[in-house]
C-alpha atoms as a PDB file:
ATOM      1  CA  UNK A   1     -19.292 -11.406 -25.893  1.00  0.00           C
ATOM      2  CA  UNK A   2     -16.816  -9.990 -23.445  1.00  0.00           C
ATOM      3  CA  UNK A   3     -13.041 -10.040 -23.951  1.00  0.00           C
ATOM      4  CA  UNK A   4     -11.537 -10.718 -20.550  1.00  0.00           C
ATOM      5  CA  UNK A   5      -7.938  -9.879 -19.654  1.00  0.00           C
ATOM      6  CA  UNK A   6      -6.157 -10.799 -16.438  1.00  0.00           C
ATOM      7  CA  UNK A   7      -4.024  -7.862 -15.317  1.00  0.00           C
ATOM      8  CA  UNK A   8      -1.374  -8.109 -12.615  1.00  0.00           C
ATOM      9  CA  UNK A   9      -0.590  -5.007 -10.597  1.00  0.00           C
ATOM     10  CA  UNK A  10       2.673  -4.690  -8.663  1.00  0.00           C
ATOM     11  CA  UNK A  11       2.988  -2.119  -5.862  1.00  0.00           C
ATOM     12  CA  UNK A  12       4.179  -1.616  -2.284  1.00  0.00           C
ATOM     13  CA  UNK A  13       1.421  -2.323   0.236  1.00  0.00           C
ATOM     14  CA  UNK A  14       1.496  -0.677   3.656  1.00  0.00           C
ATOM     15  CA  UNK A  15       1.120  -3.318   6.388  1.00  0.00           C
ATOM     16  CA  UNK A  16      -0.421  -2.840   9.849  1.00  0.00           C
ATOM     17  CA  UNK A  17       3.116  -2.823  11.280  1.00  0.00           C
ATOM     18  CA  UNK A  18       3.936   0.263   9.201  1.00  0.00           C
ATOM     19  CA  UNK A  19       6.306  -1.610   6.893  1.00  0.00           C
ATOM     20  CA  UNK A  20       5.886  -1.688   3.143  1.00  0.00           C
ATOM     21  CA  UNK A  21       5.767  -5.023   1.355  1.00  0.00           C
ATOM     22  CA  UNK A  22       5.929  -5.501  -2.412  1.00  0.00           C
ATOM     23  CA  UNK A  23       2.798  -7.354  -3.617  1.00  0.00           C
ATOM     24  CA  UNK A  24       1.359  -8.471  -6.922  1.00  0.00           C
ATOM     25  CA  UNK A  25      -2.432  -8.666  -7.254  1.00  0.00           C
ATOM     26  CA  UNK A  26      -4.537 -10.013 -10.116  1.00  0.00           C
ATOM     27  CA  UNK A  27      -7.641  -8.368 -11.548  1.00  0.00           C
ATOM     28  CA  UNK A  28      -9.925  -9.223 -14.464  1.00  0.00           C
ATOM     29  CA  UNK A  29     -10.884  -6.501 -16.936  1.00  0.00           C
ATOM     30  CA  UNK A  30     -13.301  -6.531 -19.853  1.00  0.00           C
ATOM     31  CA  UNK A  31     -11.569  -4.700 -22.716  1.00  0.00           C
ATOM     32  CA  UNK A  32     -11.202  -4.760 -26.486  1.00  0.00           C
ATOM     33  CA  UNK A  33      -7.407  -5.028 -26.573  1.00  0.00           C
ATOM     34  CA  UNK A  34      -4.321  -5.469 -24.414  1.00  0.00           C
ATOM     35  CA  UNK A  35      -3.737  -1.721 -24.567  1.00  0.00           C
ATOM     36  CA  UNK A  36      -7.260  -0.910 -23.409  1.00  0.00           C
ATOM     37  CA  UNK A  37      -6.993  -3.509 -20.632  1.00  0.00           C
ATOM     38  CA  UNK A  38      -3.822  -1.859 -19.315  1.00  0.00           C
ATOM     39  CA  UNK A  39      -5.409   1.598 -19.514  1.00  0.00           C
ATOM     40  CA  UNK A  40      -8.617   0.447 -17.784  1.00  0.00           C
ATOM     41  CA  UNK A  41      -6.853  -1.324 -14.909  1.00  0.00           C
ATOM     42  CA  UNK A  42      -4.626   1.719 -14.397  1.00  0.00           C
ATOM     43  CA  UNK A  43      -7.711   3.964 -14.279  1.00  0.00           C
ATOM     44  CA  UNK A  44      -9.627   1.612 -11.951  1.00  0.00           C
ATOM     45  CA  UNK A  45      -6.770   1.083  -9.490  1.00  0.00           C
ATOM     46  CA  UNK A  46      -5.338   4.629  -9.282  1.00  0.00           C
ATOM     47  CA  UNK A  47      -7.794   5.801  -6.555  1.00  0.00           C
ATOM     48  CA  UNK A  48      -7.092   2.761  -4.351  1.00  0.00           C
ATOM     49  CA  UNK A  49      -3.297   2.608  -4.392  1.00  0.00           C
ATOM     50  CA  UNK A  50      -1.204   5.331  -2.834  1.00  0.00           C
ATOM     51  CA  UNK A  51       2.157   5.728  -4.493  1.00  0.00           C
ATOM     52  CA  UNK A  52       3.408   4.185  -7.689  1.00  0.00           C
ATOM     53  CA  UNK A  53       2.273   0.898  -9.198  1.00  0.00           C
ATOM     54  CA  UNK A  54       2.988  -0.941 -12.409  1.00  0.00           C
ATOM     55  CA  UNK A  55       0.990  -3.251 -14.607  1.00  0.00           C
ATOM     56  CA  UNK A  56       3.358  -6.203 -14.630  1.00  0.00           C
ATOM     57  CA  UNK A  57       1.361  -8.536 -16.898  1.00  0.00           C
ATOM     58  CA  UNK A  58      -1.711  -8.631 -19.123  1.00  0.00           C
ATOM     59  CA  UNK A  59      -2.982 -11.901 -20.557  1.00  0.00           C
ATOM     60  CA  UNK A  60      -6.169 -12.947 -22.306  1.00  0.00           C
ATOM     61  CA  UNK A  61      -8.548 -15.211 -20.353  1.00  0.00           C
ATOM     62  CA  UNK A  62     -11.186 -17.429 -21.944  1.00  0.00           C
ATOM     63  CA  UNK A  63     -14.157 -16.699 -19.708  1.00  0.00           C
ATOM     64  CA  UNK A  64     -17.568 -17.249 -21.277  1.00  0.00           C
ATOM     65  CA  UNK A  65     -19.674 -15.826 -18.430  1.00  0.00           C
ATOM     66  CA  UNK A  66     -19.338 -14.120 -15.043  1.00  0.00           C
ATOM     67  CA  UNK A  67     -21.820 -14.688 -12.215  1.00  0.00           C
ATOM     68  CA  UNK A  68     -21.762 -11.948  -9.564  1.00  0.00           C
ATOM     69  CA  UNK A  69     -22.761 -12.173  -5.897  1.00  0.00           C
ATOM     70  CA  UNK A  70     -22.476  -8.987  -3.824  1.00  0.00           C
ATOM     71  CA  UNK A  71     -21.933 -11.003  -0.629  1.00  0.00           C
ATOM     72  CA  UNK A  72     -18.958 -12.885  -2.096  1.00  0.00           C
ATOM     73  CA  UNK A  73     -15.360 -11.816  -1.633  1.00  0.00           C
ATOM     74  CA  UNK A  74     -13.644 -14.573  -3.643  1.00  0.00           C
ATOM     75  CA  UNK A  75     -13.716 -15.593  -7.292  1.00  0.00           C
ATOM     76  CA  UNK A  76     -14.017 -19.200  -8.424  1.00  0.00           C
ATOM     77  CA  UNK A  77     -13.283 -20.497 -11.918  1.00  0.00           C
ATOM     78  CA  UNK A  78     -15.717 -23.202 -12.990  1.00  0.00           C
ATOM     79  CA  UNK A  79     -14.766 -25.515 -15.837  1.00  0.00           C
ATOM     80  CA  UNK A  80     -17.939 -26.818 -17.428  1.00  0.00           C
ATOM     81  CA  UNK A  81     -18.151 -29.468 -20.122  1.00  0.00           C
ATOM     82  CA  UNK A  82     -21.161 -29.017 -22.390  1.00  0.00           C
ATOM     83  CA  UNK A  83     -22.252 -32.365 -23.787  1.00  0.00           C
ATOM     84  CA  UNK A  84     -23.492 -32.726 -27.357  1.00  0.00           C
ATOM     85  CA  UNK A  85     -24.072 -35.740 -29.551  1.00  0.00           C
ATOM     86  CA  UNK A  86     -22.786 -35.809 -33.116  1.00  0.00           C
ATOM     87  CA  UNK A  87     -25.807 -36.613 -35.295  1.00  0.00           C
ATOM     88  CA  UNK A  88     -23.791 -38.458 -37.934  1.00  0.00           C
ATOM     89  CA  UNK A  89     -21.654 -40.693 -35.713  1.00  0.00           C
ATOM     90  CA  UNK A  90     -23.804 -40.673 -32.533  1.00  0.00           C
ATOM     91  CA  UNK A  91     -20.637 -39.975 -30.537  1.00  0.00           C
ATOM     92  CA  UNK A  92     -20.816 -37.884 -27.375  1.00  0.00           C
ATOM     93  CA  UNK A  93     -18.698 -34.723 -27.576  1.00  0.00           C
ATOM     94  CA  UNK A  94     -17.662 -32.536 -24.635  1.00  0.00           C
ATOM     95  CA  UNK A  95     -16.863 -28.865 -25.135  1.00  0.00           C
ATOM     96  CA  UNK A  96     -15.099 -27.098 -22.274  1.00  0.00           C
ATOM     97  CA  UNK A  97     -16.225 -23.672 -21.157  1.00  0.00           C
ATOM     98  CA  UNK A  98     -14.907 -21.543 -18.289  1.00  0.00           C
ATOM     99  CA  UNK A  99     -17.080 -19.344 -16.108  1.00  0.00           C
ATOM    100  CA  UNK A 100     -16.261 -17.116 -13.162  1.00  0.00           C
ATOM    101  CA  UNK A 101     -18.394 -17.170 -10.013  1.00  0.00           C
ATOM    102  CA  UNK A 102     -18.204 -14.716  -7.125  1.00  0.00           C
ATOM    103  CA  UNK A 103     -18.868 -16.258  -3.708  1.00  0.00           C
ATOM    104  CA  UNK A 104     -17.717 -16.265  -0.097  1.00  0.00           C
ATOM    105  CA  UNK A 105     -16.976 -20.009   0.003  1.00  0.00           C
ATOM    106  CA  UNK A 106     -16.832 -23.092  -2.210  1.00  0.00           C
ATOM    107  CA  UNK A 107     -20.406 -24.281  -1.523  1.00  0.00           C
ATOM    108  CA  UNK A 108     -21.789 -20.809  -2.193  1.00  0.00           C
ATOM    109  CA  UNK A 109     -19.878 -20.772  -5.503  1.00  0.00           C
ATOM    110  CA  UNK A 110     -21.455 -24.084  -6.496  1.00  0.00           C
ATOM    111  CA  UNK A 111     -24.919 -22.890  -5.451  1.00  0.00           C
ATOM    112  CA  UNK A 112     -24.507 -19.568  -7.296  1.00  0.00           C
ATOM    113  CA  UNK A 113     -23.317 -21.383 -10.414  1.00  0.00           C
ATOM    114  CA  UNK A 114     -26.207 -23.871 -10.369  1.00  0.00           C
ATOM    115  CA  UNK A 115     -28.739 -21.078  -9.767  1.00  0.00           C
ATOM    116  CA  UNK A 116     -27.431 -19.137 -12.765  1.00  0.00           C
ATOM    117  CA  UNK A 117     -27.410 -22.249 -14.962  1.00  0.00           C
ATOM    118  CA  UNK A 118     -31.094 -22.996 -14.317  1.00  0.00           C
ATOM    119  CA  UNK A 119     -32.991 -23.000 -17.564  1.00  0.00           C
ATOM    120  CA  UNK A 120     -29.941 -23.963 -19.604  1.00  0.00           C
ATOM    121  CA  UNK A 121     -31.141 -26.310 -22.308  1.00  0.00           C
ATOM    122  CA  UNK A 122     -27.756 -27.883 -22.970  1.00  0.00           C
ATOM    123  CA  UNK A 123     -26.534 -30.834 -20.927  1.00  0.00           C
ATOM    124  CA  UNK A 124     -23.423 -30.027 -18.921  1.00  0.00           C
ATOM    125  CA  UNK A 125     -21.156 -31.396 -16.235  1.00  0.00           C
ATOM    126  CA  UNK A 126     -18.905 -29.541 -13.835  1.00  0.00           C
ATOM    127  CA  UNK A 127     -15.314 -30.642 -14.408  1.00  0.00           C
ATOM    128  CA  UNK A 128     -13.753 -28.446 -11.706  1.00  0.00           C
ATOM    129  CA  UNK A 129     -14.254 -25.468  -9.412  1.00  0.00           C
ATOM    130  CA  UNK A 130     -11.062 -23.683  -8.373  1.00  0.00           C
ATOM    131  CA  UNK A 131     -10.561 -20.592  -6.242  1.00  0.00           C
ATOM    132  CA  UNK A 132      -8.660 -17.944  -8.214  1.00  0.00           C
ATOM    133  CA  UNK A 133      -6.231 -15.289  -6.959  1.00  0.00           C
ATOM    134  CA  UNK A 134      -8.403 -12.538  -8.525  1.00  0.00           C
ATOM    135  CA  UNK A 135      -9.014  -9.567  -6.273  1.00  0.00           C
ATOM    136  CA  UNK A 136     -11.813  -8.038  -8.365  1.00  0.00           C
ATOM    137  CA  UNK A 137     -13.508  -8.070 -11.765  1.00  0.00           C
ATOM    138  CA  UNK A 138     -14.187  -4.955 -13.818  1.00  0.00           C
ATOM    139  CA  UNK A 139     -16.890  -5.444 -16.484  1.00  0.00           C
ATOM    140  CA  UNK A 140     -17.224  -3.285 -19.600  1.00  0.00           C
ATOM    141  CA  UNK A 141     -17.416   0.403 -18.810  1.00  0.00           C
ATOM    142  CA  UNK A 142     -20.362   1.236 -21.090  1.00  0.00           C
ATOM    143  CA  UNK A 143     -21.862   4.047 -18.997  1.00  0.00           C
ATOM    144  CA  UNK A 144     -18.654   6.091 -18.927  1.00  0.00           C
ATOM    145  CA  UNK A 145     -17.969   5.555 -15.227  1.00  0.00           C
ATOM    146  CA  UNK A 146     -17.118   2.624 -13.004  1.00  0.00           C
ATOM    147  CA  UNK A 147     -19.901   0.047 -12.673  1.00  0.00           C
ATOM    148  CA  UNK A 148     -18.143  -1.961  -9.987  1.00  0.00           C
ATOM    149  CA  UNK A 149     -18.382   0.047  -6.785  1.00  0.00           C
ATOM    150  CA  UNK A 150     -16.978  -2.508  -4.366  1.00  0.00           C
ATOM    151  CA  UNK A 151     -14.331  -1.231  -1.984  1.00  0.00           C
ATOM    152  CA  UNK A 152     -10.854  -2.714  -2.221  1.00  0.00           C
END
């Protein structure tokens, strides 16, 4: 299972007007520790940012799965409640799980989520779908080089 960390990068972005504006952008990185997450986001972002930047925050995110869509440019966080029934008391129990879906719009996020959940044997309900401020997601770097080749 992946360990996801949200990393915030602070740098000065060059605007069309030629002025520089300080911005903070969020990215999601699959890493084993906070230290590795900071190192990975620094490595991933260095080619795309001219000048200096800092990693201003790293926090752990509880994401159980990520559903990619190459046509999507936004990331949506889906809160799903899996429904189970306690055999002893016959009481319905809901267990929350968070998943990330890449899509271009809300409806596409819902469609992508439902498509990826086909074949799931467990009963579930969607509690919420929220657009996140994430700019990109970097999965585990198992091959030794960047797997996510999307342009920033």
